């Protein structure tokens, strides 16, 4: 029983500080991301949430473009994105 309690205390001691760890990453890069589909759609939301998590982790600035899966909108947005000369698309 004491071993289990000691193990639980150790896990808690290591887990709590990491849960409150501050992101010290900073990034001077700008990215444009196309999650696809409509904002709030089932596929795009999953992709968007992953991109948001990556942006938070790296500290980079990301702009998101939603296309409604419309190919004309996609082409227009891509041309606009290229014209902005981001660090990545």
PDB file of N, CA and C in Angstrom:
ATOM      1  N   UNK A   1       0.824  -1.196   0.000  1.00  0.00           N
ATOM      2  CA  UNK A   1       0.000   0.000   0.000  1.00  0.00           C
ATOM      3  C   UNK A   1       0.865   1.256   0.000  1.00  0.00           C
ATOM      4  N   UNK A   2       1.927   1.249   0.815  1.00  0.00           N
ATOM      5  CA  UNK A   2       2.806   2.413   0.879  1.00  0.00           C
ATOM      6  C   UNK A   2       3.507   2.664  -0.451  1.00  0.00           C
ATOM      7  N   UNK A   3       3.845   1.575  -1.176  1.00  0.00           N
ATOM      8  CA  UNK A   3       4.492   1.731  -2.477  1.00  0.00           C
ATOM      9  C   UNK A   3       3.539   2.382  -3.474  1.00  0.00           C
ATOM     10  N   UNK A   4       2.294   1.992  -3.424  1.00  0.00           N
ATOM     11  CA  UNK A   4       1.295   2.575  -4.324  1.00  0.00           C
ATOM     12  C   UNK A   4       1.098   4.053  -4.007  1.00  0.00           C
ATOM     13  N   UNK A   5       1.025   4.379  -2.741  1.00  0.00           N
ATOM     14  CA  UNK A   5       0.878   5.772  -2.332  1.00  0.00           C
ATOM     15  C   UNK A   5       2.095   6.590  -2.748  1.00  0.00           C
ATOM     16  N   UNK A   6       3.281   6.032  -2.563  1.00  0.00           N
ATOM     17  CA  UNK A   6       4.509   6.734  -2.957  1.00  0.00           C
ATOM     18  C   UNK A   6       4.541   6.953  -4.462  1.00  0.00           C
ATOM     19  N   UNK A   7       4.130   5.955  -5.230  1.00  0.00           N
ATOM     20  CA  UNK A   7       4.082   6.079  -6.680  1.00  0.00           C
ATOM     21  C   UNK A   7       3.081   7.150  -7.097  1.00  0.00           C
ATOM     22  N   UNK A   8       1.921   7.165  -6.476  1.00  0.00           N
ATOM     23  CA  UNK A   8       0.898   8.169  -6.788  1.00  0.00           C
ATOM     24  C   UNK A   8       1.403   9.574  -6.484  1.00  0.00           C
ATOM     25  N   UNK A   9       2.097   9.741  -5.377  1.00  0.00           N
ATOM     26  CA  UNK A   9       2.642  11.053  -5.011  1.00  0.00           C
ATOM     27  C   UNK A   9       3.692  11.490  -6.027  1.00  0.00           C
ATOM     28  N   UNK A  10       4.550  10.558  -6.466  1.00  0.00           N
ATOM     29  CA  UNK A  10       5.578  10.895  -7.458  1.00  0.00           C
ATOM     30  C   UNK A  10       4.952  11.301  -8.785  1.00  0.00           C
ATOM     31  N   UNK A  11       3.957  10.553  -9.230  1.00  0.00           N
ATOM     32  CA  UNK A  11       3.281  10.885 -10.487  1.00  0.00           C
ATOM     33  C   UNK A  11       2.642  12.261 -10.387  1.00  0.00           C
ATOM     34  N   UNK A  12       1.969  12.519  -9.295  1.00  0.00           N
ATOM     35  CA  UNK A  12       1.332  13.818  -9.088  1.00  0.00           C
ATOM     36  C   UNK A  12       2.375  14.932  -9.058  1.00  0.00           C
ATOM     37  N   UNK A  13       3.496  14.689  -8.390  1.00  0.00           N
ATOM     38  CA  UNK A  13       4.541  15.710  -8.260  1.00  0.00           C
ATOM     39  C   UNK A  13       5.135  16.083  -9.610  1.00  0.00           C
ATOM     40  N   UNK A  14       5.249  15.121 -10.508  1.00  0.00           N
ATOM     41  CA  UNK A  14       5.805  15.406 -11.824  1.00  0.00           C
ATOM     42  C   UNK A  14       4.751  15.913 -12.804  1.00  0.00           C
ATOM     43  N   UNK A  15       3.512  15.500 -12.642  1.00  0.00           N
ATOM     44  CA  UNK A  15       2.460  15.863 -13.587  1.00  0.00           C
ATOM     45  C   UNK A  15       1.957  17.281 -13.380  1.00  0.00           C
ATOM     46  N   UNK A  16       1.823  17.716 -12.159  1.00  0.00           N
ATOM     47  CA  UNK A  16       1.245  19.033 -11.882  1.00  0.00           C
ATOM     48  C   UNK A  16       2.076  20.169 -12.470  1.00  0.00           C
ATOM     49  N   UNK A  17       3.392  20.213 -12.263  1.00  0.00           N
ATOM     50  CA  UNK A  17       4.153  21.324 -12.848  1.00  0.00           C
ATOM     51  C   UNK A  17       4.072  21.366 -14.371  1.00  0.00           C
ATOM     52  N   UNK A  18       4.073  20.204 -15.029  1.00  0.00           N
ATOM     53  CA  UNK A  18       4.016  20.200 -16.487  1.00  0.00           C
ATOM     54  C   UNK A  18       2.652  20.656 -16.992  1.00  0.00           C
ATOM     55  N   UNK A  19       1.611  20.453 -16.215  1.00  0.00           N
ATOM     56  CA  UNK A  19       0.275  20.892 -16.625  1.00  0.00           C
ATOM     57  C   UNK A  19       0.172  22.409 -16.642  1.00  0.00           C
ATOM     58  N   UNK A  20       0.982  23.066 -15.832  1.00  0.00           N
ATOM     59  CA  UNK A  20       0.945  24.520 -15.762  1.00  0.00           C
ATOM     60  C   UNK A  20       2.151  25.159 -16.439  1.00  0.00           C
ATOM     61  N   UNK A  21       2.893  24.379 -17.205  1.00  0.00           N
ATOM     62  CA  UNK A  21       4.082  24.902 -17.872  1.00  0.00           C
ATOM     63  C   UNK A  21       3.686  25.956 -18.895  1.00  0.00           C
ATOM     64  N   UNK A  22       4.462  27.005 -18.950  1.00  0.00           N
ATOM     65  CA  UNK A  22       4.203  28.096 -19.882  1.00  0.00           C
ATOM     66  C   UNK A  22       4.959  27.833 -21.174  1.00  0.00           C
ATOM     67  N   UNK A  23       4.355  28.138 -22.303  1.00  0.00           N
ATOM     68  CA  UNK A  23       5.004  28.002 -23.590  1.00  0.00           C
ATOM     69  C   UNK A  23       5.990  29.151 -23.753  1.00  0.00           C
ATOM     70  N   UNK A  24       7.264  28.827 -23.805  1.00  0.00           N
ATOM     71  CA  UNK A  24       8.282  29.856 -23.969  1.00  0.00           C
ATOM     72  C   UNK A  24       8.753  29.976 -25.411  1.00  0.00           C
ATOM     73  N   UNK A  25       8.059  29.301 -26.323  1.00  0.00           N
ATOM     74  CA  UNK A  25       8.441  29.385 -27.721  1.00  0.00           C
ATOM     75  C   UNK A  25       7.998  30.721 -28.289  1.00  0.00           C
ATOM     76  N   UNK A  26       8.813  31.278 -29.130  1.00  0.00           N
ATOM     77  CA  UNK A  26       8.396  32.461 -29.869  1.00  0.00           C
ATOM     78  C   UNK A  26       8.797  32.240 -31.317  1.00  0.00           C
ATOM     79  N   UNK A  27       7.987  32.724 -32.201  1.00  0.00           N
ATOM     80  CA  UNK A  27       8.198  32.473 -33.623  1.00  0.00           C
ATOM     81  C   UNK A  27       7.884  33.757 -34.375  1.00  0.00           C
ATOM     82  N   UNK A  28       8.784  34.169 -35.236  1.00  0.00           N
ATOM     83  CA  UNK A  28       8.537  35.374 -36.020  1.00  0.00           C
ATOM     84  C   UNK A  28       8.041  35.024 -37.422  1.00  0.00           C
ATOM     85  N   UNK A  29       7.595  33.805 -37.601  1.00  0.00           N
ATOM     86  CA  UNK A  29       7.106  33.337 -38.899  1.00  0.00           C
ATOM     87  C   UNK A  29       5.597  33.524 -39.003  1.00  0.00           C
ATOM     88  N   UNK A  30       5.140  33.725 -40.254  1.00  0.00           N
ATOM     89  CA  UNK A  30       3.706  33.862 -40.511  1.00  0.00           C
ATOM     90  C   UNK A  30       3.291  32.781 -41.505  1.00  0.00           C
ATOM     91  N   UNK A  31       2.227  32.063 -41.154  1.00  0.00           N
ATOM     92  CA  UNK A  31       1.737  30.985 -41.992  1.00  0.00           C
ATOM     93  C   UNK A  31       0.275  31.221 -42.357  1.00  0.00           C
ATOM     94  N   UNK A  32      -0.102  30.688 -43.504  1.00  0.00           N
ATOM     95  CA  UNK A  32      -1.500  30.694 -43.924  1.00  0.00           C
ATOM     96  C   UNK A  32      -1.911  29.233 -44.047  1.00  0.00           C
ATOM     97  N   UNK A  33      -3.043  28.898 -43.442  1.00  0.00           N
ATOM     98  CA  UNK A  33      -3.476  27.506 -43.357  1.00  0.00           C
ATOM     99  C   UNK A  33      -4.882  27.368 -43.921  1.00  0.00           C
ATOM    100  N   UNK A  34      -5.080  26.345 -44.730  1.00  0.00           N
ATOM    101  CA  UNK A  34      -6.376  26.055 -45.335  1.00  0.00           C
ATOM    102  C   UNK A  34      -6.949  24.777 -44.718  1.00  0.00           C
ATOM    103  N   UNK A  35      -7.808  24.900 -43.698  1.00  0.00           N
ATOM    104  CA  UNK A  35      -8.380  23.697 -43.075  1.00  0.00           C
ATOM    105  C   UNK A  35      -9.328  22.938 -43.999  1.00  0.00           C
ATOM    106  N   UNK A  36      -9.893  23.619 -44.966  1.00  0.00           N
ATOM    107  CA  UNK A  36     -10.815  22.983 -45.896  1.00  0.00           C
ATOM    108  C   UNK A  36     -12.251  23.046 -45.414  1.00  0.00           C
ATOM    109  N   UNK A  37     -13.161  23.173 -46.359  1.00  0.00           N
ATOM    110  CA  UNK A  37     -14.581  23.154 -46.035  1.00  0.00           C
ATOM    111  C   UNK A  37     -15.075  24.391 -45.327  1.00  0.00           C
ATOM    112  N   UNK A  38     -16.274  24.294 -44.762  1.00  0.00           N
ATOM    113  CA  UNK A  38     -16.851  25.434 -44.048  1.00  0.00           C
ATOM    114  C   UNK A  38     -16.323  25.507 -42.616  1.00  0.00           C
ATOM    115  N   UNK A  39     -16.281  26.701 -42.085  1.00  0.00           N
ATOM    116  CA  UNK A  39     -15.894  26.865 -40.684  1.00  0.00           C
ATOM    117  C   UNK A  39     -16.912  26.135 -39.818  1.00  0.00           C
ATOM    118  N   UNK A  40     -16.439  25.294 -38.919  1.00  0.00           N
ATOM    119  CA  UNK A  40     -17.326  24.516 -38.060  1.00  0.00           C
ATOM    120  C   UNK A  40     -17.722  23.175 -38.648  1.00  0.00           C
ATOM    121  N   UNK A  41     -17.289  22.887 -39.882  1.00  0.00           N
ATOM    122  CA  UNK A  41     -17.595  21.592 -40.487  1.00  0.00           C
ATOM    123  C   UNK A  41     -16.845  20.471 -39.782  1.00  0.00           C
ATOM    124  N   UNK A  42     -17.324  19.227 -39.905  1.00  0.00           N
ATOM    125  CA  UNK A  42     -16.727  18.122 -39.150  1.00  0.00           C
ATOM    126  C   UNK A  42     -15.260  17.855 -39.498  1.00  0.00           C
ATOM    127  N   UNK A  43     -14.890  17.890 -40.763  1.00  0.00           N
ATOM    128  CA  UNK A  43     -13.501  17.644 -41.148  1.00  0.00           C
ATOM    129  C   UNK A  43     -12.633  18.851 -40.830  1.00  0.00           C
ATOM    130  N   UNK A  44     -13.068  20.017 -41.294  1.00  0.00           N
ATOM    131  CA  UNK A  44     -12.280  21.229 -41.109  1.00  0.00           C
ATOM    132  C   UNK A  44     -12.014  21.565 -39.657  1.00  0.00           C
ATOM    133  N   UNK A  45     -12.967  21.283 -38.794  1.00  0.00           N
ATOM    134  CA  UNK A  45     -12.800  21.582 -37.369  1.00  0.00           C
ATOM    135  C   UNK A  45     -11.672  20.758 -36.759  1.00  0.00           C
ATOM    136  N   UNK A  46     -11.589  19.497 -37.133  1.00  0.00           N
ATOM    137  CA  UNK A  46     -10.521  18.637 -36.610  1.00  0.00           C
ATOM    138  C   UNK A  46      -9.164  19.133 -37.097  1.00  0.00           C
ATOM    139  N   UNK A  47      -9.073  19.427 -38.380  1.00  0.00           N
ATOM    140  CA  UNK A  47      -7.820  19.917 -38.951  1.00  0.00           C
ATOM    141  C   UNK A  47      -7.453  21.269 -38.340  1.00  0.00           C
ATOM    142  N   UNK A  48      -8.441  22.144 -38.213  1.00  0.00           N
ATOM    143  CA  UNK A  48      -8.224  23.470 -37.624  1.00  0.00           C
ATOM    144  C   UNK A  48      -7.719  23.359 -36.185  1.00  0.00           C
ATOM    145  N   UNK A  49      -8.351  22.510 -35.390  1.00  0.00           N
ATOM    146  CA  UNK A  49      -7.930  22.351 -33.990  1.00  0.00           C
ATOM    147  C   UNK A  49      -6.482  21.878 -33.893  1.00  0.00           C
ATOM    148  N   UNK A  50      -6.075  20.999 -34.790  1.00  0.00           N
ATOM    149  CA  UNK A  50      -4.681  20.555 -34.811  1.00  0.00           C
ATOM    150  C   UNK A  50      -3.737  21.679 -35.175  1.00  0.00           C
ATOM    151  N   UNK A  51      -4.131  22.497 -36.143  1.00  0.00           N
ATOM    152  CA  UNK A  51      -3.294  23.628 -36.550  1.00  0.00           C
ATOM    153  C   UNK A  51      -3.199  24.671 -35.444  1.00  0.00           C
ATOM    154  N   UNK A  52      -4.303  24.917 -34.756  1.00  0.00           N
ATOM    155  CA  UNK A  52      -4.296  25.871 -33.633  1.00  0.00           C
ATOM    156  C   UNK A  52      -3.363  25.371 -32.533  1.00  0.00           C
ATOM    157  N   UNK A  53      -3.423  24.083 -32.237  1.00  0.00           N
ATOM    158  CA  UNK A  53      -2.543  23.513 -31.209  1.00  0.00           C
ATOM    159  C   UNK A  53      -1.078  23.654 -31.613  1.00  0.00           C
ATOM    160  N   UNK A  54      -0.774  23.410 -32.883  1.00  0.00           N
ATOM    161  CA  UNK A  54       0.604  23.553 -33.360  1.00  0.00           C
ATOM    162  C   UNK A  54       1.060  25.006 -33.276  1.00  0.00           C
ATOM    163  N   UNK A  55       0.173  25.939 -33.641  1.00  0.00           N
ATOM    164  CA  UNK A  55       0.516  27.361 -33.565  1.00  0.00           C
ATOM    165  C   UNK A  55       0.769  27.782 -32.123  1.00  0.00           C
ATOM    166  N   UNK A  56      -0.047  27.299 -31.210  1.00  0.00           N
ATOM    167  CA  UNK A  56       0.154  27.623 -29.793  1.00  0.00           C
ATOM    168  C   UNK A  56       1.458  27.029 -29.278  1.00  0.00           C
ATOM    169  N   UNK A  57       1.768  25.840 -29.728  1.00  0.00           N
ATOM    170  CA  UNK A  57       2.987  25.162 -29.267  1.00  0.00           C
ATOM    171  C   UNK A  57       4.246  25.860 -29.792  1.00  0.00           C
ATOM    172  N   UNK A  58       4.198  26.319 -31.034  1.00  0.00           N
ATOM    173  CA  UNK A  58       5.382  26.934 -31.639  1.00  0.00           C
ATOM    174  C   UNK A  58       5.433  28.439 -31.447  1.00  0.00           C
ATOM    175  N   UNK A  59       4.278  29.049 -31.179  1.00  0.00           N
ATOM    176  CA  UNK A  59       4.228  30.496 -31.028  1.00  0.00           C
ATOM    177  C   UNK A  59       4.148  31.241 -32.350  1.00  0.00           C
ATOM    178  N   UNK A  60       3.972  30.523 -33.445  1.00  0.00           N
ATOM    179  CA  UNK A  60       3.900  31.160 -34.764  1.00  0.00           C
ATOM    180  C   UNK A  60       2.513  31.752 -35.015  1.00  0.00           C
ATOM    181  N   UNK A  61       2.476  32.767 -35.874  1.00  0.00           N
ATOM    182  CA  UNK A  61       1.205  33.395 -36.253  1.00  0.00           C
ATOM    183  C   UNK A  61       0.636  32.633 -37.448  1.00  0.00           C
ATOM    184  N   UNK A  62      -0.636  32.286 -37.371  1.00  0.00           N
ATOM    185  CA  UNK A  62      -1.292  31.549 -38.452  1.00  0.00           C
ATOM    186  C   UNK A  62      -2.618  32.219 -38.779  1.00  0.00           C
ATOM    187  N   UNK A  63      -2.851  32.452 -40.070  1.00  0.00           N
ATOM    188  CA  UNK A  63      -4.149  32.914 -40.562  1.00  0.00           C
ATOM    189  C   UNK A  63      -4.843  31.714 -41.203  1.00  0.00           C
ATOM    190  N   UNK A  64      -6.146  31.603 -40.979  1.00  0.00           N
ATOM    191  CA  UNK A  64      -6.908  30.457 -41.466  1.00  0.00           C
ATOM    192  C   UNK A  64      -7.889  30.920 -42.537  1.00  0.00           C
ATOM    193  N   UNK A  65      -7.933  30.179 -43.648  1.00  0.00           N
ATOM    194  CA  UNK A  65      -8.825  30.488 -44.757  1.00  0.00           C
ATOM    195  C   UNK A  65      -9.791  29.319 -44.943  1.00  0.00           C
ATOM    196  N   UNK A  66     -11.070  29.609 -44.893  1.00  0.00           N
ATOM    197  CA  UNK A  66     -12.112  28.589 -45.075  1.00  0.00           C
ATOM    198  C   UNK A  66     -12.663  28.705 -46.490  1.00  0.00           C
ATOM    199  N   UNK A  67     -12.872  27.577 -47.164  1.00  0.00           N
ATOM    200  CA  UNK A  67     -13.216  27.602 -48.585  1.00  0.00           C
ATOM    201  C   UNK A  67     -14.599  27.074 -48.934  1.00  0.00           C
ATOM    202  N   UNK A  68     -15.296  26.492 -48.007  1.00  0.00           N
ATOM    203  CA  UNK A  68     -16.594  25.860 -48.294  1.00  0.00           C
ATOM    204  C   UNK A  68     -16.451  24.735 -49.331  1.00  0.00           C
ATOM    205  N   UNK A  69     -15.243  24.255 -49.547  1.00  0.00           N
ATOM    206  CA  UNK A  69     -14.914  23.262 -50.570  1.00  0.00           C
ATOM    207  C   UNK A  69     -15.234  23.769 -51.977  1.00  0.00           C
ATOM    208  N   UNK A  70     -15.299  25.065 -52.151  1.00  0.00           N
ATOM    209  CA  UNK A  70     -15.565  25.672 -53.453  1.00  0.00           C
ATOM    210  C   UNK A  70     -14.222  25.899 -54.152  1.00  0.00           C
ATOM    211  N   UNK A  71     -14.020  25.237 -55.296  1.00  0.00           N
ATOM    212  CA  UNK A  71     -12.721  25.310 -55.971  1.00  0.00           C
ATOM    213  C   UNK A  71     -12.377  26.729 -56.426  1.00  0.00           C
ATOM    214  N   UNK A  72     -13.364  27.518 -56.822  1.00  0.00           N
ATOM    215  CA  UNK A  72     -13.089  28.906 -57.222  1.00  0.00           C
ATOM    216  C   UNK A  72     -12.593  29.725 -56.034  1.00  0.00           C
ATOM    217  N   UNK A  73     -13.222  29.522 -54.882  1.00  0.00           N
ATOM    218  CA  UNK A  73     -12.784  30.214 -53.662  1.00  0.00           C
ATOM    219  C   UNK A  73     -11.382  29.747 -53.281  1.00  0.00           C
ATOM    220  N   UNK A  74     -11.129  28.444 -53.389  1.00  0.00           N
ATOM    221  CA  UNK A  74      -9.809  27.906 -53.045  1.00  0.00           C
ATOM    222  C   UNK A  74      -8.707  28.543 -53.893  1.00  0.00           C
ATOM    223  N   UNK A  75      -8.935  28.631 -55.193  1.00  0.00           N
ATOM    224  CA  UNK A  75      -7.939  29.217 -56.099  1.00  0.00           C
ATOM    225  C   UNK A  75      -7.728  30.689 -55.776  1.00  0.00           C
ATOM    226  N   UNK A  76      -8.814  31.425 -55.562  1.00  0.00           N
ATOM    227  CA  UNK A  76      -8.722  32.850 -55.221  1.00  0.00           C
ATOM    228  C   UNK A  76      -7.948  33.042 -53.915  1.00  0.00           C
ATOM    229  N   UNK A  77      -8.283  32.244 -52.904  1.00  0.00           N
ATOM    230  CA  UNK A  77      -7.610  32.359 -51.610  1.00  0.00           C
ATOM    231  C   UNK A  77      -6.130  31.997 -51.724  1.00  0.00           C
ATOM    232  N   UNK A  78      -5.823  30.993 -52.523  1.00  0.00           N
ATOM    233  CA  UNK A  78      -4.427  30.597 -52.675  1.00  0.00           C
ATOM    234  C   UNK A  78      -3.623  31.706 -53.348  1.00  0.00           C
ATOM    235  N   UNK A  79      -4.191  32.321 -54.375  1.00  0.00           N
ATOM    236  CA  UNK A  79      -3.505  33.442 -55.037  1.00  0.00           C
ATOM    237  C   UNK A  79      -3.293  34.593 -54.065  1.00  0.00           C
ATOM    238  N   UNK A  80      -4.313  34.885 -53.257  1.00  0.00           N
ATOM    239  CA  UNK A  80      -4.182  35.944 -52.249  1.00  0.00           C
ATOM    240  C   UNK A  80      -3.100  35.591 -51.229  1.00  0.00           C
ATOM    241  N   UNK A  81      -3.071  34.330 -50.830  1.00  0.00           N
ATOM    242  CA  UNK A  81      -2.080  33.887 -49.844  1.00  0.00           C
ATOM    243  C   UNK A  81      -0.663  34.022 -50.396  1.00  0.00           C
ATOM    244  N   UNK A  82      -0.457  33.630 -51.643  1.00  0.00           N
ATOM    245  CA  UNK A  82       0.866  33.748 -52.267  1.00  0.00           C
ATOM    246  C   UNK A  82       1.287  35.209 -52.344  1.00  0.00           C
ATOM    247  N   UNK A  83       0.349  36.086 -52.683  1.00  0.00           N
ATOM    248  CA  UNK A  83       0.654  37.518 -52.794  1.00  0.00           C
ATOM    249  C   UNK A  83       1.094  38.118 -51.458  1.00  0.00           C
ATOM    250  N   UNK A  84       0.637  37.549 -50.356  1.00  0.00           N
ATOM    251  CA  UNK A  84       1.015  38.051 -49.030  1.00  0.00           C
ATOM    252  C   UNK A  84       2.427  37.625 -48.628  1.00  0.00           C
ATOM    253  N   UNK A  85       3.023  36.722 -49.378  1.00  0.00           N
ATOM    254  CA  UNK A  85       4.375  36.217 -49.137  1.00  0.00           C
ATOM    255  C   UNK A  85       4.588  35.745 -47.693  1.00  0.00           C
ATOM    256  N   UNK A  86       3.762  34.809 -47.239  1.00  0.00           N
ATOM    257  CA  UNK A  86       3.958  34.268 -45.890  1.00  0.00           C
ATOM    258  C   UNK A  86       5.196  33.367 -45.865  1.00  0.00           C
ATOM    259  N   UNK A  87       5.593  32.975 -44.697  1.00  0.00           N
ATOM    260  CA  UNK A  87       6.720  32.050 -44.570  1.00  0.00           C
ATOM    261  C   UNK A  87       6.323  30.625 -44.946  1.00  0.00           C
ATOM    262  N   UNK A  88       5.037  30.352 -44.923  1.00  0.00           N
ATOM    263  CA  UNK A  88       4.570  29.026 -45.302  1.00  0.00           C
ATOM    264  C   UNK A  88       3.079  29.011 -45.546  1.00  0.00           C
ATOM    265  N   UNK A  89       2.667  28.112 -46.429  1.00  0.00           N
ATOM    266  CA  UNK A  89       1.244  27.935 -46.732  1.00  0.00           C
ATOM    267  C   UNK A  89       0.910  26.479 -46.486  1.00  0.00           C
TER     268      UNK A  89
END
